[in-house]
Amino acid sequence: MTTTHTIETITHGRYLVERRGSQRLLVGFHGYGESAERHLEELRQLDPAEEWTLVAVQALNRFYTRSQEVVASWMTREDREHAIADNIEYVRRIVETLRPYDRLVFAGFSQGAAMAYRAAAAVGADGLIILAGDIPPDVESMPVPVLIGRGERDDWYSDEKLKKDLRSAPNATVCVFDGGHEWNDEFREAGRAFLRRTRAEG
């Protein structure tokens, strides 16, 4: 007879920090099959004035692409509850190492959007920048200000999912742009405006 067990162990995560002389933190989570380096490029475009310290967090589950590039994924459906707990603790420890800070904004793209929502619910945040990803079922509501982006041709993050998320995020601003499941200049500009408002409120 075969039985399944889980055991807690130690693993090491990787995150990139680009300090800009600011105690405001913009902490980002990449999408499936991406890397912290790739996500850091997008965070830079959200803050061209260099007014925030940028933190790009790489998911714990790394793998190779066919071209041998190292990328990562946040979780699969297997042992999902354990993975959620591991990821939340991972983010909590990263944020703790970056104290003190004045303002904290989480950003997430695609699969990383769920992590941004979870991080805000567990750690707290002054705002969220979300692109092409929905609120995960383990997060009941998101009362902090949120910028939600969706491409009109995005088949994965559908208009239906967006409408459902708006019921759980009463303080959300929506940016719907001409595009698909991707970063877009219109959304980047909306993200810059969101960061300016969040900075001013602090």
N, C-alpha and C. Protein backbone atom coordinates (compact mmCIF):
# COMPACT_ATOMS: atom_id res chain seq x y z
N MET A 1 0.84 -1.19 0.00
CA MET A 1 0.00 0.00 0.00
C MET A 1 0.88 1.25 0.00
N THR A 2 0.54 2.22 -0.86
CA THR A 2 1.31 3.45 -0.96
C THR A 2 0.57 4.58 -0.25
N THR A 3 1.29 5.29 0.60
CA THR A 3 0.73 6.46 1.27
C THR A 3 1.57 7.68 0.94
N THR A 4 0.94 8.84 0.92
CA THR A 4 1.63 10.09 0.58
C THR A 4 1.87 10.90 1.84
N HIS A 5 3.07 11.43 1.96
CA HIS A 5 3.45 12.24 3.12
C HIS A 5 4.13 13.52 2.64
N THR A 6 4.13 14.53 3.47
CA THR A 6 4.90 15.74 3.20
C THR A 6 5.81 16.01 4.39
N ILE A 7 6.90 16.69 4.14
CA ILE A 7 7.84 17.03 5.21
C ILE A 7 8.40 18.42 4.95
N GLU A 8 8.52 19.18 6.00
CA GLU A 8 9.07 20.53 5.88
C GLU A 8 10.58 20.46 5.76
N THR A 9 11.14 21.30 4.90
CA THR A 9 12.59 21.35 4.73
C THR A 9 13.03 22.78 4.46
N ILE A 10 14.32 22.99 4.40
CA ILE A 10 14.85 24.34 4.15
C ILE A 10 15.19 24.46 2.67
N THR A 11 14.78 25.56 2.08
CA THR A 11 15.18 25.87 0.71
C THR A 11 15.57 27.33 0.63
N HIS A 12 16.28 27.69 -0.40
CA HIS A 12 16.74 29.07 -0.54
C HIS A 12 16.09 29.72 -1.76
N GLY A 13 15.56 30.91 -1.55
CA GLY A 13 14.98 31.68 -2.63
C GLY A 13 15.93 32.77 -3.09
N ARG A 14 15.60 33.38 -4.20
CA ARG A 14 16.47 34.38 -4.82
C ARG A 14 15.65 35.61 -5.18
N TYR A 15 16.15 36.78 -4.81
CA TYR A 15 15.46 38.01 -5.17
C TYR A 15 16.48 39.10 -5.49
N LEU A 16 16.08 39.99 -6.37
CA LEU A 16 16.96 41.06 -6.82
C LEU A 16 16.50 42.38 -6.21
N VAL A 17 17.44 43.16 -5.73
CA VAL A 17 17.12 44.47 -5.13
C VAL A 17 17.88 45.55 -5.88
N GLU A 18 17.17 46.56 -6.33
CA GLU A 18 17.78 47.71 -6.96
C GLU A 18 17.46 48.93 -6.12
N ARG A 19 18.42 49.32 -5.31
CA ARG A 19 18.20 50.43 -4.37
C ARG A 19 18.35 51.76 -5.09
N ARG A 20 17.42 52.66 -4.82
CA ARG A 20 17.42 53.96 -5.48
C ARG A 20 17.43 55.10 -4.46
N GLY A 21 17.97 54.88 -3.28
CA GLY A 21 18.00 55.93 -2.27
C GLY A 21 16.63 56.26 -1.71
N SER A 22 15.71 55.30 -1.80
CA SER A 22 14.35 55.55 -1.32
C SER A 22 13.95 54.45 -0.35
N GLN A 23 13.12 54.82 0.62
CA GLN A 23 12.58 53.83 1.55
C GLN A 23 11.20 53.36 1.13
N ARG A 24 10.82 53.67 -0.11
CA ARG A 24 9.58 53.13 -0.67
C ARG A 24 9.92 51.86 -1.43
N LEU A 25 9.17 50.79 -1.18
CA LEU A 25 9.45 49.50 -1.80
C LEU A 25 8.39 49.13 -2.83
N LEU A 26 8.85 48.74 -4.01
CA LEU A 26 8.00 48.14 -5.04
C LEU A 26 8.49 46.71 -5.22
N VAL A 27 7.70 45.77 -4.72
CA VAL A 27 8.10 44.36 -4.70
C VAL A 27 7.27 43.60 -5.73
N GLY A 28 7.93 42.95 -6.69
CA GLY A 28 7.21 42.34 -7.80
C GLY A 28 7.38 40.83 -7.91
N PHE A 29 6.35 40.20 -8.50
CA PHE A 29 6.32 38.75 -8.71
C PHE A 29 6.06 38.45 -10.18
N HIS A 30 6.96 37.69 -10.79
CA HIS A 30 6.89 37.41 -12.22
C HIS A 30 5.83 36.36 -12.56
N GLY A 31 5.59 36.19 -13.84
CA GLY A 31 4.65 35.20 -14.31
C GLY A 31 5.28 33.83 -14.48
N TYR A 32 4.45 32.86 -14.86
CA TYR A 32 4.92 31.49 -15.07
C TYR A 32 6.00 31.46 -16.16
N GLY A 33 7.08 30.72 -15.87
CA GLY A 33 8.13 30.55 -16.85
C GLY A 33 8.97 31.79 -17.08
N GLU A 34 8.95 32.71 -16.14
CA GLU A 34 9.77 33.91 -16.23
C GLU A 34 10.81 33.90 -15.10
N SER A 35 11.58 34.95 -15.02
CA SER A 35 12.63 35.05 -14.01
C SER A 35 12.56 36.40 -13.31
N ALA A 36 13.32 36.51 -12.22
CA ALA A 36 13.39 37.78 -11.50
C ALA A 36 14.00 38.86 -12.39
N GLU A 37 14.99 38.48 -13.20
CA GLU A 37 15.62 39.46 -14.08
C GLU A 37 14.61 40.04 -15.07
N ARG A 38 13.81 39.18 -15.65
CA ARG A 38 12.80 39.63 -16.61
C ARG A 38 11.80 40.57 -15.93
N HIS A 39 11.40 40.23 -14.72
CA HIS A 39 10.41 41.05 -14.03
C HIS A 39 11.01 42.39 -13.59
N LEU A 40 12.28 42.39 -13.23
CA LEU A 40 12.93 43.63 -12.83
C LEU A 40 12.90 44.65 -13.96
N GLU A 41 13.03 44.18 -15.20
CA GLU A 41 12.96 45.08 -16.35
C GLU A 41 11.62 45.81 -16.39
N GLU A 42 10.54 45.10 -16.07
CA GLU A 42 9.22 45.74 -16.07
C GLU A 42 9.06 46.68 -14.89
N LEU A 43 9.58 46.31 -13.73
CA LEU A 43 9.50 47.20 -12.58
C LEU A 43 10.22 48.52 -12.86
N ARG A 44 11.34 48.44 -13.56
CA ARG A 44 12.07 49.67 -13.92
C ARG A 44 11.21 50.59 -14.77
N GLN A 45 10.43 50.00 -15.67
CA GLN A 45 9.58 50.82 -16.54
C GLN A 45 8.42 51.46 -15.76
N LEU A 46 8.03 50.85 -14.65
CA LEU A 46 6.99 51.44 -13.81
C LEU A 46 7.53 52.62 -12.99
N ASP A 47 8.85 52.68 -12.83
CA ASP A 47 9.45 53.73 -12.00
C ASP A 47 10.63 54.39 -12.72
N PRO A 48 10.38 55.03 -13.85
CA PRO A 48 11.49 55.64 -14.60
C PRO A 48 12.16 56.79 -13.86
N ALA A 49 11.44 57.41 -12.92
CA ALA A 49 12.02 58.52 -12.15
C ALA A 49 12.89 58.03 -11.00
N GLU A 50 12.95 56.71 -10.81
CA GLU A 50 13.78 56.09 -9.77
C GLU A 50 13.45 56.62 -8.38
N GLU A 51 12.17 56.56 -8.05
CA GLU A 51 11.69 57.03 -6.75
C GLU A 51 11.35 55.89 -5.79
N TRP A 52 11.48 54.65 -6.24
CA TRP A 52 11.18 53.48 -5.42
C TRP A 52 12.36 52.52 -5.46
N THR A 53 12.60 51.83 -4.36
CA THR A 53 13.53 50.70 -4.37
C THR A 53 12.80 49.51 -4.97
N LEU A 54 13.41 48.88 -5.97
CA LEU A 54 12.77 47.79 -6.69
C LEU A 54 13.23 46.44 -6.17
N VAL A 55 12.28 45.51 -6.01
CA VAL A 55 12.59 44.17 -5.53
C VAL A 55 11.86 43.17 -6.43
N ALA A 56 12.62 42.35 -7.14
CA ALA A 56 12.02 41.33 -8.00
C ALA A 56 12.26 39.96 -7.36
N VAL A 57 11.17 39.31 -6.99
CA VAL A 57 11.24 38.03 -6.27
C VAL A 57 11.11 36.89 -7.27
N GLN A 58 12.02 35.93 -7.20
CA GLN A 58 11.94 34.77 -8.08
C GLN A 58 11.24 33.62 -7.36
N ALA A 59 10.33 32.95 -8.07
CA ALA A 59 9.60 31.82 -7.49
C ALA A 59 10.57 30.71 -7.08
N LEU A 60 10.15 29.92 -6.12
CA LEU A 60 11.02 28.88 -5.56
C LEU A 60 11.19 27.67 -6.48
N ASN A 61 10.25 27.46 -7.39
CA ASN A 61 10.30 26.26 -8.23
C ASN A 61 10.94 26.59 -9.58
N ARG A 62 12.24 26.33 -9.69
CA ARG A 62 12.97 26.68 -10.91
C ARG A 62 13.03 25.50 -11.89
N PHE A 63 13.14 25.85 -13.16
CA PHE A 63 13.31 24.82 -14.18
C PHE A 63 13.96 25.43 -15.41
N TYR A 64 14.39 24.58 -16.35
CA TYR A 64 15.03 25.04 -17.57
C TYR A 64 14.02 25.14 -18.71
N THR A 65 14.20 26.15 -19.54
CA THR A 65 13.48 26.18 -20.81
C THR A 65 14.26 25.31 -21.80
N ARG A 66 13.69 25.14 -22.99
CA ARG A 66 14.39 24.35 -24.01
C ARG A 66 15.71 24.98 -24.42
N SER A 67 15.81 26.30 -24.24
CA SER A 67 17.06 26.99 -24.57
C SER A 67 18.00 27.06 -23.36
N GLN A 68 17.67 26.32 -22.31
CA GLN A 68 18.49 26.22 -21.09
C GLN A 68 18.50 27.49 -20.24
N GLU A 69 17.53 28.36 -20.45
CA GLU A 69 17.38 29.51 -19.57
C GLU A 69 16.70 29.06 -18.29
N VAL A 70 17.16 29.57 -17.15
CA VAL A 70 16.55 29.22 -15.86
C VAL A 70 15.36 30.15 -15.62
N VAL A 71 14.19 29.55 -15.46
CA VAL A 71 12.97 30.29 -15.17
C VAL A 71 12.30 29.62 -13.97
N ALA A 72 11.11 30.10 -13.60
CA ALA A 72 10.50 29.55 -12.38
C ALA A 72 8.98 29.62 -12.43
N SER A 73 8.38 28.89 -11.50
CA SER A 73 6.92 28.85 -11.35
C SER A 73 6.60 28.94 -9.86
N TRP A 74 5.46 29.57 -9.56
CA TRP A 74 5.11 29.76 -8.15
C TRP A 74 4.56 28.50 -7.50
N MET A 75 3.75 27.74 -8.21
CA MET A 75 3.22 26.51 -7.63
C MET A 75 2.44 25.72 -8.67
N THR A 76 2.13 24.48 -8.31
CA THR A 76 1.23 23.67 -9.10
C THR A 76 0.05 23.29 -8.21
N ARG A 77 -0.86 22.50 -8.73
CA ARG A 77 -2.00 22.09 -7.91
C ARG A 77 -1.59 21.06 -6.84
N GLU A 78 -0.43 20.42 -7.00
CA GLU A 78 0.00 19.40 -6.05
C GLU A 78 0.49 20.05 -4.75
N ASP A 79 -0.03 19.59 -3.62
CA ASP A 79 0.35 20.13 -2.30
C ASP A 79 0.23 21.66 -2.28
N ARG A 80 -0.84 22.13 -2.85
CA ARG A 80 -1.03 23.56 -3.04
C ARG A 80 -1.01 24.34 -1.72
N GLU A 81 -1.68 23.81 -0.70
CA GLU A 81 -1.75 24.52 0.58
C GLU A 81 -0.37 24.69 1.19
N HIS A 82 0.47 23.66 1.08
CA HIS A 82 1.83 23.77 1.61
C HIS A 82 2.64 24.80 0.81
N ALA A 83 2.46 24.81 -0.50
CA ALA A 83 3.18 25.76 -1.34
C ALA A 83 2.78 27.20 -1.02
N ILE A 84 1.49 27.42 -0.79
CA ILE A 84 1.02 28.76 -0.43
C ILE A 84 1.69 29.22 0.87
N ALA A 85 1.70 28.34 1.87
CA ALA A 85 2.32 28.70 3.15
C ALA A 85 3.81 28.98 2.99
N ASP A 86 4.50 28.16 2.19
CA ASP A 86 5.93 28.36 1.96
C ASP A 86 6.18 29.70 1.27
N ASN A 87 5.37 30.01 0.26
CA ASN A 87 5.56 31.25 -0.50
C ASN A 87 5.28 32.49 0.35
N ILE A 88 4.25 32.42 1.17
CA ILE A 88 3.94 33.56 2.03
C ILE A 88 5.07 33.81 3.03
N GLU A 89 5.59 32.75 3.62
CA GLU A 89 6.70 32.90 4.56
C GLU A 89 7.95 33.44 3.85
N TYR A 90 8.17 32.95 2.65
CA TYR A 90 9.29 33.43 1.82
C TYR A 90 9.20 34.94 1.62
N VAL A 91 8.04 35.43 1.21
CA VAL A 91 7.86 36.86 0.98
C VAL A 91 7.96 37.65 2.28
N ARG A 92 7.38 37.10 3.34
CA ARG A 92 7.44 37.78 4.63
C ARG A 92 8.90 38.01 5.06
N ARG A 93 9.74 37.01 4.87
CA ARG A 93 11.15 37.13 5.26
C ARG A 93 11.89 38.16 4.39
N ILE A 94 11.57 38.18 3.11
CA ILE A 94 12.20 39.16 2.22
C ILE A 94 11.85 40.57 2.68
N VAL A 95 10.58 40.82 2.93
CA VAL A 95 10.15 42.16 3.34
C VAL A 95 10.80 42.55 4.66
N GLU A 96 10.92 41.59 5.57
CA GLU A 96 11.55 41.87 6.86
C GLU A 96 13.00 42.33 6.68
N THR A 97 13.72 41.72 5.74
CA THR A 97 15.12 42.10 5.53
C THR A 97 15.26 43.51 4.96
N LEU A 98 14.17 44.04 4.39
CA LEU A 98 14.22 45.35 3.73
C LEU A 98 13.71 46.49 4.61
N ARG A 99 13.37 46.20 5.85
CA ARG A 99 12.96 47.26 6.76
C ARG A 99 14.15 48.13 7.13
N PRO A 100 13.92 49.43 7.43
CA PRO A 100 12.62 50.11 7.46
C PRO A 100 12.21 50.61 6.08
N TYR A 101 10.91 50.74 5.85
CA TYR A 101 10.42 51.31 4.61
C TYR A 101 9.20 52.19 4.93
N ASP A 102 8.96 53.17 4.06
CA ASP A 102 7.86 54.11 4.26
C ASP A 102 6.57 53.63 3.60
N ARG A 103 6.69 53.13 2.38
CA ARG A 103 5.54 52.67 1.61
C ARG A 103 5.89 51.33 0.99
N LEU A 104 4.87 50.47 0.84
CA LEU A 104 5.08 49.14 0.28
C LEU A 104 3.99 48.85 -0.74
N VAL A 105 4.41 48.60 -1.97
CA VAL A 105 3.48 48.23 -3.04
C VAL A 105 3.94 46.89 -3.61
N PHE A 106 3.01 45.95 -3.77
CA PHE A 106 3.30 44.69 -4.43
C PHE A 106 2.78 44.76 -5.86
N ALA A 107 3.53 44.15 -6.78
CA ALA A 107 3.12 44.08 -8.18
C ALA A 107 3.20 42.64 -8.64
N GLY A 108 2.23 42.22 -9.45
CA GLY A 108 2.24 40.85 -9.94
C GLY A 108 1.71 40.73 -11.35
N PHE A 109 2.37 39.90 -12.14
CA PHE A 109 1.93 39.64 -13.51
C PHE A 109 1.54 38.17 -13.66
N SER A 110 0.36 37.92 -14.23
CA SER A 110 -0.11 36.57 -14.55
C SER A 110 -0.11 35.69 -13.29
N GLN A 111 0.66 34.59 -13.27
CA GLN A 111 0.69 33.74 -12.09
C GLN A 111 1.20 34.50 -10.86
N GLY A 112 2.04 35.49 -11.09
CA GLY A 112 2.56 36.29 -9.98
C GLY A 112 1.52 37.21 -9.37
N ALA A 113 0.40 37.44 -10.06
CA ALA A 113 -0.66 38.27 -9.50
C ALA A 113 -1.23 37.65 -8.23
N ALA A 114 -1.44 36.34 -8.26
CA ALA A 114 -1.96 35.66 -7.07
C ALA A 114 -1.00 35.83 -5.90
N MET A 115 0.30 35.78 -6.18
CA MET A 115 1.27 35.97 -5.10
C MET A 115 1.22 37.39 -4.54
N ALA A 116 1.02 38.37 -5.41
CA ALA A 116 0.93 39.75 -4.94
C ALA A 116 -0.28 39.92 -4.02
N TYR A 117 -1.41 39.34 -4.42
CA TYR A 117 -2.60 39.40 -3.57
C TYR A 117 -2.35 38.72 -2.23
N ARG A 118 -1.75 37.54 -2.28
CA ARG A 118 -1.47 36.80 -1.02
C ARG A 118 -0.51 37.57 -0.14
N ALA A 119 0.51 38.17 -0.73
CA ALA A 119 1.49 38.93 0.04
C ALA A 119 0.83 40.12 0.73
N ALA A 120 -0.04 40.82 0.01
CA ALA A 120 -0.73 41.97 0.61
C ALA A 120 -1.63 41.54 1.75
N ALA A 121 -2.31 40.40 1.58
CA ALA A 121 -3.21 39.91 2.62
C ALA A 121 -2.44 39.47 3.86
N ALA A 122 -1.26 38.88 3.67
CA ALA A 122 -0.50 38.33 4.80
C ALA A 122 0.43 39.34 5.45
N VAL A 123 1.07 40.18 4.64
CA VAL A 123 2.10 41.09 5.14
C VAL A 123 1.55 42.50 5.32
N GLY A 124 0.55 42.85 4.50
CA GLY A 124 0.05 44.22 4.49
C GLY A 124 0.72 44.99 3.36
N ALA A 125 0.04 46.00 2.83
CA ALA A 125 0.60 46.80 1.74
C ALA A 125 -0.15 48.12 1.64
N ASP A 126 0.47 49.07 0.95
CA ASP A 126 -0.18 50.35 0.70
C ASP A 126 -0.86 50.37 -0.67
N GLY A 127 -0.60 49.35 -1.46
CA GLY A 127 -1.22 49.28 -2.77
C GLY A 127 -0.77 48.05 -3.54
N LEU A 128 -1.49 47.76 -4.62
CA LEU A 128 -1.20 46.61 -5.47
C LEU A 128 -1.29 47.02 -6.93
N ILE A 129 -0.34 46.54 -7.73
CA ILE A 129 -0.40 46.70 -9.18
C ILE A 129 -0.51 45.30 -9.77
N ILE A 130 -1.64 45.01 -10.39
CA ILE A 130 -1.95 43.66 -10.85
C ILE A 130 -2.20 43.66 -12.35
N LEU A 131 -1.52 42.77 -13.06
CA LEU A 131 -1.72 42.65 -14.50
C LEU A 131 -1.98 41.19 -14.88
N ALA A 132 -3.12 40.97 -15.51
CA ALA A 132 -3.44 39.68 -16.16
C ALA A 132 -3.49 38.50 -15.19
N GLY A 133 -4.01 38.73 -14.00
CA GLY A 133 -4.13 37.64 -13.04
C GLY A 133 -5.22 37.94 -12.03
N ASP A 134 -5.88 36.88 -11.55
CA ASP A 134 -7.04 37.09 -10.67
C ASP A 134 -6.72 36.88 -9.20
N ILE A 135 -7.67 37.29 -8.37
CA ILE A 135 -7.56 37.09 -6.92
C ILE A 135 -7.70 35.60 -6.63
N PRO A 136 -6.75 34.99 -5.92
CA PRO A 136 -6.85 33.55 -5.65
C PRO A 136 -7.96 33.26 -4.65
N PRO A 137 -8.50 32.05 -4.66
CA PRO A 137 -9.63 31.71 -3.79
C PRO A 137 -9.31 31.78 -2.30
N ASP A 138 -8.01 31.71 -1.93
CA ASP A 138 -7.64 31.76 -0.51
C ASP A 138 -7.56 33.20 0.01
N VAL A 139 -7.77 34.20 -0.84
CA VAL A 139 -7.83 35.60 -0.41
C VAL A 139 -9.26 36.07 -0.55
N GLU A 140 -9.91 36.37 0.56
CA GLU A 140 -11.34 36.68 0.55
C GLU A 140 -11.64 38.06 -0.01
N SER A 141 -10.84 39.05 0.37
CA SER A 141 -11.09 40.41 -0.10
C SER A 141 -9.78 41.19 -0.09
N MET A 142 -9.76 42.30 -0.81
CA MET A 142 -8.57 43.12 -0.88
C MET A 142 -8.97 44.57 -0.73
N PRO A 143 -8.95 45.10 0.51
CA PRO A 143 -9.43 46.45 0.77
C PRO A 143 -8.47 47.56 0.38
N VAL A 144 -7.19 47.24 0.11
CA VAL A 144 -6.22 48.29 -0.22
C VAL A 144 -6.41 48.73 -1.67
N PRO A 145 -5.92 49.91 -2.03
CA PRO A 145 -6.03 50.36 -3.43
C PRO A 145 -5.32 49.39 -4.38
N VAL A 146 -5.98 49.08 -5.48
CA VAL A 146 -5.45 48.13 -6.46
C VAL A 146 -5.61 48.71 -7.86
N LEU A 147 -4.56 48.58 -8.66
CA LEU A 147 -4.66 48.85 -10.09
C LEU A 147 -4.71 47.50 -10.79
N ILE A 148 -5.77 47.24 -11.52
CA ILE A 148 -5.92 45.97 -12.23
C ILE A 148 -5.85 46.23 -13.73
N GLY A 149 -4.98 45.51 -14.40
CA GLY A 149 -4.84 45.65 -15.84
C GLY A 149 -5.29 44.39 -16.57
N ARG A 150 -5.97 44.60 -17.69
CA ARG A 150 -6.41 43.46 -18.52
C ARG A 150 -6.37 43.85 -19.99
N GLY A 151 -5.79 42.98 -20.81
CA GLY A 151 -5.82 43.16 -22.24
C GLY A 151 -7.16 42.70 -22.81
N GLU A 152 -7.71 43.44 -23.74
CA GLU A 152 -9.01 43.09 -24.31
C GLU A 152 -9.01 41.73 -24.98
N ARG A 153 -7.84 41.28 -25.45
CA ARG A 153 -7.76 39.98 -26.13
C ARG A 153 -7.13 38.91 -25.25
N ASP A 154 -7.13 39.13 -23.96
CA ASP A 154 -6.58 38.16 -23.01
C ASP A 154 -7.63 37.08 -22.75
N ASP A 155 -7.40 35.90 -23.29
CA ASP A 155 -8.36 34.80 -23.10
C ASP A 155 -8.24 34.16 -21.72
N TRP A 156 -7.08 34.30 -21.07
CA TRP A 156 -6.91 33.66 -19.76
C TRP A 156 -7.54 34.52 -18.66
N TYR A 157 -7.13 35.78 -18.58
CA TYR A 157 -7.75 36.68 -17.59
C TYR A 157 -8.91 37.37 -18.29
N SER A 158 -10.04 36.73 -18.24
CA SER A 158 -11.21 37.16 -19.00
C SER A 158 -11.93 38.35 -18.34
N ASP A 159 -12.84 38.94 -19.09
CA ASP A 159 -13.67 40.01 -18.55
C ASP A 159 -14.51 39.50 -17.38
N GLU A 160 -14.92 38.23 -17.47
CA GLU A 160 -15.69 37.61 -16.38
C GLU A 160 -14.88 37.58 -15.09
N LYS A 161 -13.62 37.17 -15.19
CA LYS A 161 -12.75 37.12 -14.01
C LYS A 161 -12.51 38.52 -13.45
N LEU A 162 -12.34 39.48 -14.34
CA LEU A 162 -12.15 40.86 -13.89
C LEU A 162 -13.36 41.34 -13.09
N LYS A 163 -14.55 41.10 -13.60
CA LYS A 163 -15.76 41.53 -12.90
C LYS A 163 -15.88 40.85 -11.54
N LYS A 164 -15.51 39.60 -11.47
CA LYS A 164 -15.55 38.88 -10.19
C LYS A 164 -14.56 39.50 -9.20
N ASP A 165 -13.36 39.83 -9.68
CA ASP A 165 -12.35 40.43 -8.81
C ASP A 165 -12.80 41.78 -8.27
N LEU A 166 -13.50 42.54 -9.08
CA LEU A 166 -13.94 43.87 -8.65
C LEU A 166 -14.91 43.80 -7.48
N ARG A 167 -15.61 42.68 -7.36
CA ARG A 167 -16.51 42.52 -6.21
C ARG A 167 -15.72 42.32 -4.92
N SER A 168 -14.49 41.81 -5.02
CA SER A 168 -13.65 41.57 -3.84
C SER A 168 -12.64 42.68 -3.60
N ALA A 169 -12.50 43.57 -4.56
CA ALA A 169 -11.54 44.67 -4.44
C ALA A 169 -12.26 45.99 -4.68
N PRO A 170 -12.94 46.51 -3.66
CA PRO A 170 -13.76 47.72 -3.82
C PRO A 170 -12.96 48.98 -4.16
N ASN A 171 -11.66 48.98 -3.84
CA ASN A 171 -10.84 50.16 -4.10
C ASN A 171 -9.98 49.99 -5.35
N ALA A 172 -10.49 49.26 -6.32
CA ALA A 172 -9.72 48.98 -7.53
C ALA A 172 -9.93 50.03 -8.62
N THR A 173 -8.86 50.32 -9.32
CA THR A 173 -8.89 51.11 -10.56
C THR A 173 -8.57 50.14 -11.69
N VAL A 174 -9.29 50.25 -12.79
CA VAL A 174 -9.13 49.29 -13.89
C VAL A 174 -8.52 49.96 -15.11
N CYS A 175 -7.58 49.27 -15.72
CA CYS A 175 -6.99 49.71 -16.98
C CYS A 175 -7.19 48.58 -17.99
N VAL A 176 -8.13 48.75 -18.90
CA VAL A 176 -8.34 47.78 -19.98
C VAL A 176 -7.71 48.35 -21.23
N PHE A 177 -6.79 47.60 -21.84
CA PHE A 177 -6.02 48.12 -22.97
C PHE A 177 -6.15 47.21 -24.19
N ASP A 178 -5.72 47.73 -25.31
CA ASP A 178 -5.75 46.99 -26.57
C ASP A 178 -4.55 46.05 -26.60
N GLY A 179 -4.77 44.80 -26.22
CA GLY A 179 -3.66 43.85 -26.17
C GLY A 179 -4.12 42.52 -25.64
N GLY A 180 -3.16 41.64 -25.37
CA GLY A 180 -3.47 40.31 -24.87
C GLY A 180 -2.92 40.10 -23.48
N HIS A 181 -2.39 38.89 -23.24
CA HIS A 181 -1.85 38.50 -21.94
C HIS A 181 -0.40 38.97 -21.88
N GLU A 182 -0.22 40.27 -21.63
CA GLU A 182 1.11 40.86 -21.81
C GLU A 182 1.19 42.22 -21.14
N TRP A 183 2.44 42.68 -20.96
CA TRP A 183 2.66 44.06 -20.53
C TRP A 183 2.37 44.98 -21.71
N ASN A 184 1.93 46.18 -21.40
CA ASN A 184 1.49 47.11 -22.42
C ASN A 184 1.83 48.53 -21.97
N ASP A 185 2.17 49.40 -22.91
CA ASP A 185 2.57 50.77 -22.55
C ASP A 185 1.48 51.54 -21.84
N GLU A 186 0.23 51.32 -22.25
CA GLU A 186 -0.89 52.01 -21.58
C GLU A 186 -0.98 51.59 -20.12
N PHE A 187 -0.78 50.29 -19.87
CA PHE A 187 -0.82 49.83 -18.49
C PHE A 187 0.39 50.34 -17.71
N ARG A 188 1.54 50.36 -18.35
CA ARG A 188 2.73 50.88 -17.66
C ARG A 188 2.51 52.32 -17.20
N GLU A 189 1.91 53.14 -18.06
CA GLU A 189 1.64 54.53 -17.69
C GLU A 189 0.65 54.60 -16.53
N ALA A 190 -0.36 53.73 -16.54
CA ALA A 190 -1.31 53.67 -15.43
C ALA A 190 -0.59 53.26 -14.14
N GLY A 191 0.37 52.35 -14.26
CA GLY A 191 1.15 51.93 -13.10
C GLY A 191 1.99 53.06 -12.54
N ARG A 192 2.57 53.86 -13.42
CA ARG A 192 3.37 55.02 -12.97
C ARG A 192 2.49 56.02 -12.22
N ALA A 193 1.29 56.26 -12.75
CA ALA A 193 0.37 57.19 -12.08
C ALA A 193 -0.05 56.64 -10.72
N PHE A 194 -0.27 55.33 -10.65
CA PHE A 194 -0.66 54.69 -9.38
C PHE A 194 0.45 54.86 -8.35
N LEU A 195 1.70 54.67 -8.75
CA LEU A 195 2.82 54.84 -7.82
C LEU A 195 2.96 56.29 -7.37
N ARG A 196 2.72 57.22 -8.27
CA ARG A 196 2.78 58.64 -7.88
C ARG A 196 1.73 58.96 -6.83
N ARG A 197 0.51 58.44 -7.02
CA ARG A 197 -0.54 58.68 -6.03
C ARG A 197 -0.19 58.03 -4.70
N THR A 198 0.31 56.82 -4.74
CA THR A 198 0.66 56.11 -3.51
C THR A 198 1.79 56.82 -2.77
N ARG A 199 2.75 57.34 -3.52
CA ARG A 199 3.85 58.09 -2.91
C ARG A 199 3.32 59.35 -2.25
N ALA A 200 2.43 60.07 -2.92
CA ALA A 200 1.90 61.32 -2.38
C ALA A 200 1.06 61.08 -1.13
N GLU A 201 0.36 59.97 -1.09
CA GLU A 201 -0.47 59.66 0.08
C GLU A 201 0.36 59.34 1.30
N GLY A 202 1.60 58.96 1.07
CA GLY A 202 2.47 58.61 2.19
C GLY A 202 3.14 59.81 2.79
